[in-house]
């Protein structure tokens, strides 16, 4: 019988349907440069759907901000190659930021087209929900472009409700008193 590999909290190895292995783990400051390098691999629509506007590059300051989370009010996971932080290509990022009132959190997820459609967005969202519940949040929400049908379908399948629509954005909300 082999000993099972023990990983730190919030670290999990996943094998995607295409056979590629990824390590899901909390984001680290060492991920700043790989995030910046990988940003160029994203298509303009992927960037727009995550940042809600066009962005040509991820500045060093933005990368630094994204990779240094405040443990009390933020949580961010990456799906990366199973290599040391700083060396691993990051294929997906999921984050949640708690509102100042401490009752709700805003989520954002970006899954690269290279690993899209393999259930990673769903899995990462369930991890964000688990974290939010551990922080006793009442709800989580996100703004999604109305043409981002895969994200809207994912949100609906997980119990998110459409709360409002402003221009081409739809706010989806999950009340955390309901089971996922």
N, C-alpha and C. Protein backbone atom coordinates (compact mmCIF):
# COMPACT_ATOMS: atom_id res chain seq x y z
N UNK A 1 0.85 -1.18 0.00
CA UNK A 1 0.00 0.00 0.00
C UNK A 1 0.90 1.24 0.00
N UNK A 2 0.64 2.15 -0.91
CA UNK A 2 1.46 3.36 -0.99
C UNK A 2 0.88 4.46 -0.12
N UNK A 3 1.77 5.26 0.40
CA UNK A 3 1.32 6.40 1.22
C UNK A 3 0.70 7.45 0.32
N UNK A 4 -0.39 8.00 0.76
CA UNK A 4 -1.06 9.05 -0.01
C UNK A 4 -0.31 10.36 0.15
N UNK A 5 -0.12 11.07 -0.95
CA UNK A 5 0.58 12.34 -0.89
C UNK A 5 -0.24 13.33 -0.07
N UNK A 6 0.42 13.98 0.88
CA UNK A 6 -0.25 14.96 1.72
C UNK A 6 0.07 16.34 1.18
N UNK A 7 -0.97 17.06 0.83
CA UNK A 7 -0.81 18.40 0.30
C UNK A 7 -1.29 19.41 1.34
N UNK A 8 -0.74 20.62 1.30
CA UNK A 8 -1.21 21.65 2.24
C UNK A 8 -2.69 21.98 1.99
N UNK A 9 -3.32 22.69 2.95
CA UNK A 9 -4.72 23.07 2.76
C UNK A 9 -4.93 23.82 1.43
N UNK A 10 -6.06 23.55 0.80
CA UNK A 10 -6.48 24.17 -0.45
C UNK A 10 -5.59 23.78 -1.63
N UNK A 11 -4.78 22.75 -1.50
CA UNK A 11 -3.96 22.24 -2.60
C UNK A 11 -4.55 20.91 -3.05
N UNK A 12 -4.78 20.77 -4.35
CA UNK A 12 -5.32 19.51 -4.89
C UNK A 12 -4.77 19.27 -6.28
N UNK A 13 -4.42 18.05 -6.54
CA UNK A 13 -4.03 17.66 -7.90
C UNK A 13 -5.29 17.21 -8.63
N UNK A 14 -5.43 17.64 -9.86
CA UNK A 14 -6.57 17.24 -10.68
C UNK A 14 -6.05 16.77 -12.04
N UNK A 15 -6.62 15.71 -12.53
CA UNK A 15 -6.32 15.27 -13.89
C UNK A 15 -7.51 15.67 -14.75
N UNK A 16 -7.24 16.50 -15.75
CA UNK A 16 -8.30 16.98 -16.63
C UNK A 16 -8.68 15.90 -17.63
N UNK A 17 -9.86 16.01 -18.25
CA UNK A 17 -10.29 15.00 -19.22
C UNK A 17 -9.30 14.78 -20.38
N UNK A 18 -8.47 15.79 -20.68
CA UNK A 18 -7.48 15.62 -21.75
C UNK A 18 -6.21 14.94 -21.26
N UNK A 19 -6.17 14.54 -19.98
CA UNK A 19 -5.02 13.85 -19.42
C UNK A 19 -4.00 14.77 -18.76
N UNK A 20 -4.14 16.07 -18.95
CA UNK A 20 -3.20 17.03 -18.36
C UNK A 20 -3.45 17.13 -16.86
N UNK A 21 -2.37 17.12 -16.10
CA UNK A 21 -2.48 17.28 -14.65
C UNK A 21 -2.25 18.73 -14.28
N UNK A 22 -3.09 19.23 -13.39
CA UNK A 22 -2.92 20.58 -12.86
C UNK A 22 -2.92 20.50 -11.34
N UNK A 23 -2.27 21.48 -10.75
CA UNK A 23 -2.28 21.62 -9.31
C UNK A 23 -3.14 22.84 -8.99
N UNK A 24 -4.19 22.62 -8.25
CA UNK A 24 -5.04 23.73 -7.81
C UNK A 24 -4.53 24.11 -6.43
N UNK A 25 -4.20 25.40 -6.29
CA UNK A 25 -3.59 25.87 -5.05
C UNK A 25 -3.84 27.36 -4.89
N UNK A 26 -3.64 27.88 -3.68
CA UNK A 26 -3.76 29.33 -3.50
C UNK A 26 -2.70 30.07 -4.34
N UNK A 27 -3.08 31.22 -4.82
CA UNK A 27 -2.14 32.04 -5.58
C UNK A 27 -1.02 32.50 -4.65
N UNK A 28 0.17 32.70 -5.22
CA UNK A 28 1.32 33.14 -4.43
C UNK A 28 2.00 34.31 -5.12
N UNK A 29 2.76 35.12 -4.38
CA UNK A 29 3.47 36.23 -5.00
C UNK A 29 4.39 35.80 -6.15
N UNK A 30 4.93 34.59 -6.07
CA UNK A 30 5.81 34.09 -7.14
C UNK A 30 5.07 33.88 -8.46
N UNK A 31 3.75 33.89 -8.41
CA UNK A 31 2.96 33.69 -9.62
C UNK A 31 2.84 34.96 -10.46
N UNK A 32 3.31 36.09 -9.97
CA UNK A 32 3.15 37.36 -10.68
C UNK A 32 3.75 37.31 -12.09
N UNK A 33 4.98 36.86 -12.21
CA UNK A 33 5.61 36.85 -13.54
C UNK A 33 4.97 35.82 -14.48
N UNK A 34 4.69 34.59 -14.01
CA UNK A 34 3.97 33.67 -14.90
C UNK A 34 2.60 34.20 -15.33
N UNK A 35 1.90 34.92 -14.43
CA UNK A 35 0.62 35.52 -14.83
C UNK A 35 0.83 36.54 -15.93
N UNK A 36 1.82 37.38 -15.78
CA UNK A 36 2.10 38.39 -16.80
C UNK A 36 2.47 37.73 -18.13
N UNK A 37 3.31 36.70 -18.06
CA UNK A 37 3.74 36.01 -19.28
C UNK A 37 2.57 35.31 -19.95
N UNK A 38 1.70 34.70 -19.16
CA UNK A 38 0.56 34.00 -19.72
C UNK A 38 -0.54 34.91 -20.23
N UNK A 39 -0.53 36.15 -19.78
CA UNK A 39 -1.56 37.10 -20.20
C UNK A 39 -1.57 37.27 -21.71
N UNK A 40 -0.39 37.26 -22.32
CA UNK A 40 -0.29 37.40 -23.77
C UNK A 40 -0.91 36.25 -24.54
N UNK A 41 -1.14 35.12 -23.88
CA UNK A 41 -1.76 33.97 -24.54
C UNK A 41 -3.28 34.07 -24.57
N UNK A 42 -3.82 35.02 -23.81
CA UNK A 42 -5.27 35.17 -23.75
C UNK A 42 -5.79 35.93 -24.97
N UNK A 43 -6.94 35.54 -25.43
CA UNK A 43 -7.57 36.26 -26.53
C UNK A 43 -8.30 37.48 -25.97
N UNK A 44 -8.47 38.52 -26.79
CA UNK A 44 -9.13 39.74 -26.30
C UNK A 44 -10.47 39.49 -25.63
N UNK A 45 -11.26 38.55 -26.15
CA UNK A 45 -12.57 38.29 -25.55
C UNK A 45 -12.43 37.66 -24.16
N UNK A 46 -11.42 36.81 -23.98
CA UNK A 46 -11.18 36.22 -22.65
C UNK A 46 -10.85 37.31 -21.64
N UNK A 47 -10.03 38.25 -22.04
CA UNK A 47 -9.64 39.36 -21.17
C UNK A 47 -10.85 40.21 -20.83
N UNK A 48 -11.65 40.54 -21.84
CA UNK A 48 -12.83 41.39 -21.65
C UNK A 48 -13.83 40.72 -20.70
N UNK A 49 -14.01 39.41 -20.84
CA UNK A 49 -14.98 38.71 -20.00
C UNK A 49 -14.53 38.69 -18.54
N UNK A 50 -13.23 38.66 -18.30
CA UNK A 50 -12.74 38.63 -16.91
C UNK A 50 -12.64 40.03 -16.31
N UNK A 51 -12.08 40.99 -17.07
CA UNK A 51 -11.84 42.32 -16.54
C UNK A 51 -12.94 43.32 -16.87
N UNK A 52 -13.90 42.89 -17.70
CA UNK A 52 -15.04 43.70 -18.11
C UNK A 52 -14.65 44.91 -18.96
N UNK A 53 -13.43 44.92 -19.47
CA UNK A 53 -12.97 45.92 -20.42
C UNK A 53 -11.70 45.38 -21.10
N UNK A 54 -11.30 46.03 -22.17
CA UNK A 54 -10.09 45.61 -22.88
C UNK A 54 -8.85 45.98 -22.08
N UNK A 55 -7.86 45.16 -22.18
CA UNK A 55 -6.61 45.38 -21.49
C UNK A 55 -5.51 44.76 -22.34
N UNK A 56 -4.49 45.54 -22.66
CA UNK A 56 -3.44 45.05 -23.55
C UNK A 56 -2.41 44.17 -22.84
N UNK A 57 -2.14 44.51 -21.58
CA UNK A 57 -1.16 43.73 -20.82
C UNK A 57 -1.50 43.77 -19.35
N UNK A 58 -0.94 42.85 -18.63
CA UNK A 58 -1.08 42.84 -17.18
C UNK A 58 0.18 43.51 -16.65
N UNK A 59 0.02 44.71 -16.12
CA UNK A 59 1.18 45.47 -15.64
C UNK A 59 1.81 44.76 -14.44
N UNK A 60 3.07 45.05 -14.17
CA UNK A 60 3.70 44.47 -12.97
C UNK A 60 2.93 44.81 -11.70
N UNK A 61 2.39 46.03 -11.63
CA UNK A 61 1.63 46.44 -10.45
C UNK A 61 0.35 45.63 -10.30
N UNK A 62 -0.34 45.40 -11.42
CA UNK A 62 -1.57 44.60 -11.36
C UNK A 62 -1.25 43.16 -10.96
N UNK A 63 -0.22 42.60 -11.56
CA UNK A 63 0.16 41.22 -11.23
C UNK A 63 0.53 41.11 -9.76
N UNK A 64 1.24 42.09 -9.26
CA UNK A 64 1.62 42.11 -7.85
C UNK A 64 0.37 42.16 -6.97
N UNK A 65 -0.57 43.01 -7.32
CA UNK A 65 -1.81 43.14 -6.55
C UNK A 65 -2.61 41.84 -6.56
N UNK A 66 -2.71 41.20 -7.73
CA UNK A 66 -3.49 39.97 -7.84
C UNK A 66 -2.87 38.81 -7.06
N UNK A 67 -1.56 38.82 -6.91
CA UNK A 67 -0.89 37.68 -6.28
C UNK A 67 -0.62 37.87 -4.79
N UNK A 68 -0.91 39.05 -4.27
CA UNK A 68 -0.74 39.30 -2.83
C UNK A 68 -2.12 39.56 -2.22
N UNK A 69 -2.74 38.49 -1.81
CA UNK A 69 -4.11 38.60 -1.29
C UNK A 69 -4.09 38.82 0.22
N UNK A 70 -5.09 39.51 0.70
CA UNK A 70 -5.29 39.70 2.13
C UNK A 70 -6.09 38.51 2.65
N UNK A 71 -5.51 37.66 3.47
CA UNK A 71 -6.19 36.42 3.88
C UNK A 71 -7.55 36.62 4.56
N UNK A 72 -7.78 37.75 5.18
CA UNK A 72 -9.05 37.96 5.87
C UNK A 72 -10.17 38.35 4.92
N UNK A 73 -9.81 38.95 3.77
CA UNK A 73 -10.87 39.47 2.90
C UNK A 73 -10.77 39.00 1.46
N UNK A 74 -9.81 38.17 1.13
CA UNK A 74 -9.65 37.71 -0.24
C UNK A 74 -9.20 36.25 -0.25
N UNK A 75 -9.55 35.60 -1.34
CA UNK A 75 -9.11 34.23 -1.55
C UNK A 75 -8.94 34.06 -3.06
N UNK A 76 -7.83 33.49 -3.46
CA UNK A 76 -7.60 33.28 -4.89
C UNK A 76 -6.90 31.94 -5.09
N UNK A 77 -7.42 31.19 -6.02
CA UNK A 77 -6.84 29.91 -6.40
C UNK A 77 -6.37 29.97 -7.84
N UNK A 78 -5.33 29.20 -8.13
CA UNK A 78 -4.89 29.04 -9.51
C UNK A 78 -4.92 27.55 -9.84
N UNK A 79 -5.08 27.27 -11.12
CA UNK A 79 -4.87 25.93 -11.65
C UNK A 79 -3.61 26.06 -12.48
N UNK A 80 -2.55 25.42 -12.04
CA UNK A 80 -1.24 25.61 -12.66
C UNK A 80 -0.59 24.26 -12.95
N UNK A 81 0.44 24.33 -13.76
CA UNK A 81 1.24 23.13 -13.97
C UNK A 81 1.79 22.68 -12.62
N UNK A 82 2.00 21.39 -12.44
CA UNK A 82 2.52 20.92 -11.16
C UNK A 82 4.02 21.16 -11.03
N UNK A 83 4.39 22.43 -11.09
CA UNK A 83 5.77 22.88 -10.94
C UNK A 83 5.82 23.89 -9.81
N UNK A 84 7.02 24.25 -9.33
CA UNK A 84 7.09 25.26 -8.27
C UNK A 84 6.49 26.61 -8.70
N UNK A 85 5.87 27.33 -7.76
CA UNK A 85 5.37 28.68 -8.08
C UNK A 85 6.51 29.52 -8.65
N UNK A 86 6.17 30.32 -9.64
CA UNK A 86 7.19 31.12 -10.31
C UNK A 86 7.67 30.46 -11.59
N UNK A 87 7.54 29.14 -11.65
CA UNK A 87 7.92 28.40 -12.85
C UNK A 87 6.71 27.84 -13.59
N UNK A 88 5.63 27.65 -12.86
CA UNK A 88 4.44 26.98 -13.41
C UNK A 88 3.60 27.93 -14.24
N UNK A 89 3.20 27.49 -15.41
CA UNK A 89 2.25 28.22 -16.23
C UNK A 89 0.89 28.13 -15.56
N UNK A 90 0.22 29.26 -15.41
CA UNK A 90 -1.09 29.32 -14.76
C UNK A 90 -2.17 29.30 -15.83
N UNK A 91 -3.07 28.33 -15.75
CA UNK A 91 -4.11 28.19 -16.76
C UNK A 91 -5.47 28.71 -16.35
N UNK A 92 -5.65 28.94 -15.05
CA UNK A 92 -6.93 29.44 -14.56
C UNK A 92 -6.71 30.15 -13.23
N UNK A 93 -7.53 31.16 -13.01
CA UNK A 93 -7.50 31.91 -11.75
C UNK A 93 -8.95 32.11 -11.30
N UNK A 94 -9.19 31.88 -10.02
CA UNK A 94 -10.51 32.13 -9.43
C UNK A 94 -10.28 32.91 -8.15
N UNK A 95 -11.03 33.98 -7.98
CA UNK A 95 -10.85 34.79 -6.77
C UNK A 95 -12.16 35.31 -6.25
N UNK A 96 -12.15 35.62 -4.97
CA UNK A 96 -13.29 36.24 -4.33
C UNK A 96 -12.76 37.31 -3.39
N UNK A 97 -13.43 38.44 -3.38
CA UNK A 97 -13.06 39.56 -2.52
C UNK A 97 -14.29 39.92 -1.69
N UNK A 98 -14.10 39.95 -0.38
CA UNK A 98 -15.20 40.25 0.53
C UNK A 98 -15.48 41.75 0.52
N UNK A 99 -16.76 42.09 0.44
CA UNK A 99 -17.19 43.49 0.50
C UNK A 99 -16.82 44.08 1.86
N UNK A 100 -16.70 45.41 1.93
CA UNK A 100 -16.35 46.05 3.21
C UNK A 100 -17.31 45.72 4.36
N UNK A 101 -18.57 45.46 4.06
CA UNK A 101 -19.51 45.14 5.14
C UNK A 101 -19.36 43.72 5.67
N UNK A 102 -18.54 42.90 5.00
CA UNK A 102 -18.27 41.54 5.46
C UNK A 102 -19.39 40.55 5.25
N UNK A 103 -20.42 40.93 4.50
CA UNK A 103 -21.57 40.04 4.31
C UNK A 103 -21.61 39.35 2.96
N UNK A 104 -20.92 39.91 1.97
CA UNK A 104 -20.96 39.35 0.62
C UNK A 104 -19.56 39.41 0.02
N UNK A 105 -19.38 38.66 -1.06
CA UNK A 105 -18.11 38.67 -1.76
C UNK A 105 -18.33 38.62 -3.25
N UNK A 106 -17.46 39.31 -3.97
CA UNK A 106 -17.52 39.32 -5.44
C UNK A 106 -16.52 38.32 -5.98
N UNK A 107 -16.99 37.45 -6.88
CA UNK A 107 -16.11 36.45 -7.48
C UNK A 107 -15.71 36.85 -8.89
N UNK A 108 -14.63 36.27 -9.34
CA UNK A 108 -14.18 36.38 -10.74
C UNK A 108 -13.41 35.11 -11.06
N UNK A 109 -13.64 34.60 -12.26
CA UNK A 109 -12.96 33.38 -12.71
C UNK A 109 -12.49 33.60 -14.14
N UNK A 110 -11.28 33.14 -14.41
CA UNK A 110 -10.76 33.15 -15.78
C UNK A 110 -10.13 31.79 -16.03
N UNK A 111 -10.64 31.09 -17.02
CA UNK A 111 -10.08 29.81 -17.44
C UNK A 111 -9.60 29.98 -18.87
N UNK A 112 -8.33 29.71 -19.10
CA UNK A 112 -7.75 29.85 -20.43
C UNK A 112 -8.44 28.91 -21.42
N UNK A 113 -8.48 29.34 -22.65
CA UNK A 113 -9.13 28.53 -23.68
C UNK A 113 -8.45 27.18 -23.86
N UNK A 114 -7.21 27.05 -23.43
CA UNK A 114 -6.48 25.79 -23.59
C UNK A 114 -7.01 24.70 -22.67
N UNK A 115 -7.68 25.10 -21.60
CA UNK A 115 -8.23 24.09 -20.69
C UNK A 115 -9.70 24.35 -20.39
N UNK A 116 -10.33 25.16 -21.20
CA UNK A 116 -11.75 25.48 -21.05
C UNK A 116 -12.60 24.25 -21.42
N UNK A 117 -13.77 24.15 -20.81
CA UNK A 117 -14.69 23.08 -21.16
C UNK A 117 -14.36 21.75 -20.51
N UNK A 118 -13.50 21.75 -19.49
CA UNK A 118 -13.10 20.50 -18.83
C UNK A 118 -13.56 20.43 -17.39
N UNK A 119 -14.49 21.31 -17.02
CA UNK A 119 -15.04 21.28 -15.67
C UNK A 119 -14.25 22.06 -14.63
N UNK A 120 -13.19 22.72 -15.06
CA UNK A 120 -12.36 23.45 -14.11
C UNK A 120 -13.06 24.68 -13.54
N UNK A 121 -13.81 25.40 -14.36
CA UNK A 121 -14.55 26.57 -13.87
C UNK A 121 -15.54 26.17 -12.78
N UNK A 122 -16.25 25.09 -13.02
CA UNK A 122 -17.22 24.57 -12.02
C UNK A 122 -16.49 24.20 -10.74
N UNK A 123 -15.41 23.48 -10.87
CA UNK A 123 -14.68 23.04 -9.68
C UNK A 123 -14.15 24.24 -8.90
N UNK A 124 -13.54 25.19 -9.59
CA UNK A 124 -13.01 26.36 -8.91
C UNK A 124 -14.12 27.15 -8.22
N UNK A 125 -15.26 27.25 -8.87
CA UNK A 125 -16.38 27.97 -8.25
C UNK A 125 -16.82 27.27 -6.96
N UNK A 126 -16.86 25.94 -6.95
CA UNK A 126 -17.25 25.24 -5.73
C UNK A 126 -16.24 25.49 -4.61
N UNK A 127 -14.99 25.66 -4.95
CA UNK A 127 -13.96 25.99 -3.94
C UNK A 127 -14.17 27.39 -3.38
N UNK A 128 -14.52 28.34 -4.27
CA UNK A 128 -14.80 29.71 -3.81
C UNK A 128 -16.01 29.72 -2.87
N UNK A 129 -17.03 28.95 -3.22
CA UNK A 129 -18.22 28.87 -2.38
C UNK A 129 -17.86 28.27 -1.02
N UNK A 130 -17.05 27.24 -1.01
CA UNK A 130 -16.63 26.61 0.25
C UNK A 130 -15.90 27.64 1.12
N UNK A 131 -14.98 28.39 0.53
CA UNK A 131 -14.25 29.41 1.29
C UNK A 131 -15.21 30.46 1.82
N UNK A 132 -16.13 30.93 0.97
CA UNK A 132 -17.09 31.98 1.38
C UNK A 132 -17.94 31.50 2.55
N UNK A 133 -18.35 30.25 2.50
CA UNK A 133 -19.14 29.71 3.61
C UNK A 133 -18.31 29.64 4.88
N UNK A 134 -17.04 29.29 4.75
CA UNK A 134 -16.17 29.22 5.94
C UNK A 134 -16.00 30.60 6.56
N UNK A 135 -16.16 31.65 5.77
CA UNK A 135 -16.05 33.03 6.26
C UNK A 135 -17.41 33.58 6.68
N UNK A 136 -18.44 32.71 6.62
CA UNK A 136 -19.80 33.08 7.05
C UNK A 136 -20.41 34.20 6.20
N UNK A 137 -20.04 34.25 4.91
CA UNK A 137 -20.66 35.23 4.03
C UNK A 137 -22.10 34.82 3.76
N UNK A 138 -22.94 35.80 3.50
CA UNK A 138 -24.35 35.53 3.20
C UNK A 138 -24.57 35.22 1.73
N UNK A 139 -23.74 35.83 0.88
CA UNK A 139 -23.93 35.61 -0.56
C UNK A 139 -22.64 35.94 -1.29
N UNK A 140 -22.52 35.39 -2.50
CA UNK A 140 -21.45 35.78 -3.41
C UNK A 140 -22.10 36.19 -4.72
N UNK A 141 -21.43 37.06 -5.44
CA UNK A 141 -21.99 37.59 -6.67
C UNK A 141 -20.88 37.88 -7.67
N UNK A 142 -21.29 38.01 -8.92
CA UNK A 142 -20.37 38.39 -9.98
C UNK A 142 -21.13 39.01 -11.12
N UNK A 143 -20.45 39.86 -11.87
CA UNK A 143 -21.04 40.47 -13.06
C UNK A 143 -20.54 39.73 -14.28
N UNK A 144 -21.48 39.31 -15.12
CA UNK A 144 -21.17 38.47 -16.28
C UNK A 144 -21.77 39.13 -17.52
N UNK A 145 -20.98 39.21 -18.59
CA UNK A 145 -21.53 39.72 -19.84
C UNK A 145 -22.67 38.82 -20.31
N UNK A 146 -23.73 39.43 -20.85
CA UNK A 146 -24.89 38.66 -21.28
C UNK A 146 -24.55 37.67 -22.39
N UNK A 147 -23.48 37.91 -23.13
CA UNK A 147 -23.09 36.97 -24.20
C UNK A 147 -22.16 35.87 -23.71
N UNK A 148 -21.78 35.90 -22.43
CA UNK A 148 -20.93 34.85 -21.86
C UNK A 148 -21.83 33.69 -21.40
N UNK A 149 -22.40 33.02 -22.39
CA UNK A 149 -23.38 31.97 -22.11
C UNK A 149 -22.82 30.81 -21.28
N UNK A 150 -21.56 30.38 -21.51
CA UNK A 150 -21.05 29.30 -20.66
C UNK A 150 -21.01 29.68 -19.18
N UNK A 151 -20.61 30.90 -18.86
CA UNK A 151 -20.55 31.30 -17.45
C UNK A 151 -21.96 31.46 -16.87
N UNK A 152 -22.87 31.99 -17.66
CA UNK A 152 -24.25 32.11 -17.18
C UNK A 152 -24.87 30.74 -16.93
N UNK A 153 -24.57 29.79 -17.82
CA UNK A 153 -25.09 28.42 -17.64
C UNK A 153 -24.47 27.77 -16.41
N UNK A 154 -23.18 27.97 -16.20
CA UNK A 154 -22.51 27.42 -15.02
C UNK A 154 -23.14 28.00 -13.75
N UNK A 155 -23.30 29.32 -13.73
CA UNK A 155 -23.88 29.97 -12.56
C UNK A 155 -25.28 29.42 -12.27
N UNK A 156 -26.09 29.31 -13.31
CA UNK A 156 -27.45 28.80 -13.12
C UNK A 156 -27.43 27.37 -12.59
N UNK A 157 -26.53 26.54 -13.13
CA UNK A 157 -26.47 25.14 -12.70
C UNK A 157 -26.03 25.00 -11.24
N UNK A 158 -25.35 26.00 -10.72
CA UNK A 158 -24.89 25.97 -9.33
C UNK A 158 -25.85 26.69 -8.38
N UNK A 159 -26.97 27.17 -8.92
CA UNK A 159 -27.97 27.80 -8.07
C UNK A 159 -27.91 29.31 -7.99
N UNK A 160 -27.04 29.92 -8.78
CA UNK A 160 -27.00 31.38 -8.81
C UNK A 160 -28.28 31.90 -9.45
N UNK A 161 -28.72 33.04 -8.99
CA UNK A 161 -29.90 33.69 -9.56
C UNK A 161 -29.48 35.00 -10.22
N UNK A 162 -30.20 35.35 -11.27
CA UNK A 162 -29.96 36.65 -11.91
C UNK A 162 -30.61 37.72 -11.03
N UNK A 163 -29.80 38.67 -10.59
CA UNK A 163 -30.33 39.69 -9.71
C UNK A 163 -30.66 40.96 -10.47
N UNK A 164 -29.81 41.34 -11.39
CA UNK A 164 -30.05 42.59 -12.13
C UNK A 164 -29.27 42.56 -13.44
N UNK A 165 -29.62 43.49 -14.29
CA UNK A 165 -28.91 43.65 -15.55
C UNK A 165 -28.68 45.14 -15.78
N UNK A 166 -27.45 45.48 -16.11
CA UNK A 166 -27.08 46.85 -16.38
C UNK A 166 -26.29 46.86 -17.69
N UNK A 167 -26.81 47.54 -18.68
CA UNK A 167 -26.21 47.50 -20.02
C UNK A 167 -26.10 46.05 -20.47
N UNK A 168 -24.89 45.56 -20.72
CA UNK A 168 -24.74 44.19 -21.19
C UNK A 168 -24.24 43.26 -20.08
N UNK A 169 -24.27 43.72 -18.82
CA UNK A 169 -23.82 42.91 -17.69
C UNK A 169 -25.00 42.38 -16.89
N UNK A 170 -24.88 41.13 -16.49
CA UNK A 170 -25.88 40.49 -15.65
C UNK A 170 -25.21 40.15 -14.32
N UNK A 171 -25.81 40.58 -13.23
CA UNK A 171 -25.30 40.22 -11.91
C UNK A 171 -25.94 38.90 -11.50
N UNK A 172 -25.08 37.91 -11.20
CA UNK A 172 -25.56 36.62 -10.71
C UNK A 172 -25.19 36.53 -9.24
N UNK A 173 -26.11 35.98 -8.45
CA UNK A 173 -25.95 35.94 -7.00
C UNK A 173 -26.26 34.53 -6.49
N UNK A 174 -25.44 34.07 -5.57
CA UNK A 174 -25.71 32.81 -4.88
C UNK A 174 -25.87 33.13 -3.40
N UNK A 175 -27.05 32.82 -2.87
CA UNK A 175 -27.30 32.98 -1.44
C UNK A 175 -26.76 31.74 -0.76
N UNK A 176 -25.85 31.93 0.18
CA UNK A 176 -25.11 30.81 0.75
C UNK A 176 -25.85 30.03 1.81
N UNK A 177 -27.08 30.41 2.11
CA UNK A 177 -27.86 29.59 3.04
C UNK A 177 -28.46 28.39 2.31
N UNK A 178 -28.31 28.35 1.00
CA UNK A 178 -28.81 27.22 0.21
C UNK A 178 -27.66 26.27 -0.07
N UNK A 179 -27.91 24.95 -0.06
CA UNK A 179 -26.83 24.01 -0.40
C UNK A 179 -26.45 24.11 -1.87
N UNK A 180 -25.20 23.86 -2.16
CA UNK A 180 -24.70 23.92 -3.54
C UNK A 180 -25.03 22.64 -4.28
